């Protein structure tokens, strides 16, 4: 069963996700919204920079 963030309207399903840089092995845990209708997944820019990832817009 998913947890829900009641501060969202309507309440949103949330889950903890681990994001890992496959080269360095650095990782971070984040709480994210589960949106089954989303066409893409996004990360906060601070997470991308902190893990040393390359943004798709920079590729």
C-alpha atoms as a PDB file:
ATOM      1  CA  UNK A   1       0.000   0.000   0.000  1.00  0.00           C
ATOM      2  CA  UNK A   2       1.241   3.503  -0.801  1.00  0.00           C
ATOM      3  CA  UNK A   3       1.547   6.396   1.624  1.00  0.00           C
ATOM      4  CA  UNK A   4      -0.323   9.596   0.744  1.00  0.00           C
ATOM      5  CA  UNK A   5       0.699  13.245   1.102  1.00  0.00           C
ATOM      6  CA  UNK A   6      -2.410  14.906   2.495  1.00  0.00           C
ATOM      7  CA  UNK A   7      -0.981  18.395   1.841  1.00  0.00           C
ATOM      8  CA  UNK A   8      -1.589  17.824  -1.898  1.00  0.00           C
ATOM      9  CA  UNK A   9      -5.041  18.414  -3.374  1.00  0.00           C
ATOM     10  CA  UNK A  10      -6.149  15.762  -4.106  1.00  0.00           C
ATOM     11  CA  UNK A  11      -3.889  13.716  -1.819  1.00  0.00           C
ATOM     12  CA  UNK A  12      -0.974  12.241  -3.793  1.00  0.00           C
ATOM     13  CA  UNK A  13       0.575   8.802  -3.485  1.00  0.00           C
ATOM     14  CA  UNK A  14       4.229   9.095  -2.432  1.00  0.00           C
ATOM     15  CA  UNK A  15       7.121   6.679  -2.142  1.00  0.00           C
ATOM     16  CA  UNK A  16      10.795   6.701  -1.228  1.00  0.00           C
ATOM     17  CA  UNK A  17      13.125   6.268  -4.203  1.00  0.00           C
ATOM     18  CA  UNK A  18      16.872   5.774  -4.366  1.00  0.00           C
ATOM     19  CA  UNK A  19      18.696   7.578  -7.168  1.00  0.00           C
ATOM     20  CA  UNK A  20      22.222   6.326  -7.945  1.00  0.00           C
ATOM     21  CA  UNK A  21      24.977   7.640 -10.191  1.00  0.00           C
ATOM     22  CA  UNK A  22      25.951   4.444 -12.054  1.00  0.00           C
ATOM     23  CA  UNK A  23      29.544   5.634 -12.538  1.00  0.00           C
ATOM     24  CA  UNK A  24      30.483   6.958  -9.092  1.00  0.00           C
ATOM     25  CA  UNK A  25      28.055   4.888  -7.031  1.00  0.00           C
ATOM     26  CA  UNK A  26      26.921   8.006  -5.135  1.00  0.00           C
ATOM     27  CA  UNK A  27      23.292   7.705  -4.092  1.00  0.00           C
ATOM     28  CA  UNK A  28      20.522   9.671  -2.428  1.00  0.00           C
ATOM     29  CA  UNK A  29      17.080   8.823  -1.070  1.00  0.00           C
ATOM     30  CA  UNK A  30      14.191  11.081  -2.075  1.00  0.00           C
ATOM     31  CA  UNK A  31      10.457  11.133  -1.455  1.00  0.00           C
ATOM     32  CA  UNK A  32       8.618  11.315  -4.762  1.00  0.00           C
ATOM     33  CA  UNK A  33       5.046  11.514  -6.019  1.00  0.00           C
ATOM     34  CA  UNK A  34       3.688   8.476  -7.790  1.00  0.00           C
ATOM     35  CA  UNK A  35       1.882   9.618 -10.947  1.00  0.00           C
ATOM     36  CA  UNK A  36       0.771   6.653 -13.031  1.00  0.00           C
ATOM     37  CA  UNK A  37      -0.262   8.974 -15.859  1.00  0.00           C
ATOM     38  CA  UNK A  38       3.069  10.786 -16.151  1.00  0.00           C
ATOM     39  CA  UNK A  39       4.970  10.524 -19.417  1.00  0.00           C
ATOM     40  CA  UNK A  40       8.370  11.279 -17.842  1.00  0.00           C
ATOM     41  CA  UNK A  41      10.149  11.194 -14.496  1.00  0.00           C
ATOM     42  CA  UNK A  42      12.039  14.241 -13.251  1.00  0.00           C
ATOM     43  CA  UNK A  43      14.556  14.946 -10.504  1.00  0.00           C
ATOM     44  CA  UNK A  44      15.320  18.156  -8.649  1.00  0.00           C
ATOM     45  CA  UNK A  45      18.250  19.976 -10.287  1.00  0.00           C
ATOM     46  CA  UNK A  46      20.086  20.002  -6.944  1.00  0.00           C
ATOM     47  CA  UNK A  47      19.945  16.185  -6.904  1.00  0.00           C
ATOM     48  CA  UNK A  48      21.251  15.952 -10.471  1.00  0.00           C
ATOM     49  CA  UNK A  49      24.159  18.273  -9.660  1.00  0.00           C
ATOM     50  CA  UNK A  50      24.849  16.718  -6.253  1.00  0.00           C
ATOM     51  CA  UNK A  51      25.158  13.236  -7.757  1.00  0.00           C
ATOM     52  CA  UNK A  52      27.205  14.470 -10.710  1.00  0.00           C
ATOM     53  CA  UNK A  53      24.598  13.310 -13.226  1.00  0.00           C
ATOM     54  CA  UNK A  54      24.228  14.738 -16.728  1.00  0.00           C
ATOM     55  CA  UNK A  55      20.927  16.454 -17.486  1.00  0.00           C
ATOM     56  CA  UNK A  56      19.172  15.250 -20.609  1.00  0.00           C
ATOM     57  CA  UNK A  57      19.095  18.880 -21.739  1.00  0.00           C
ATOM     58  CA  UNK A  58      22.926  18.882 -21.616  1.00  0.00           C
ATOM     59  CA  UNK A  59      23.352  15.695 -23.673  1.00  0.00           C
END
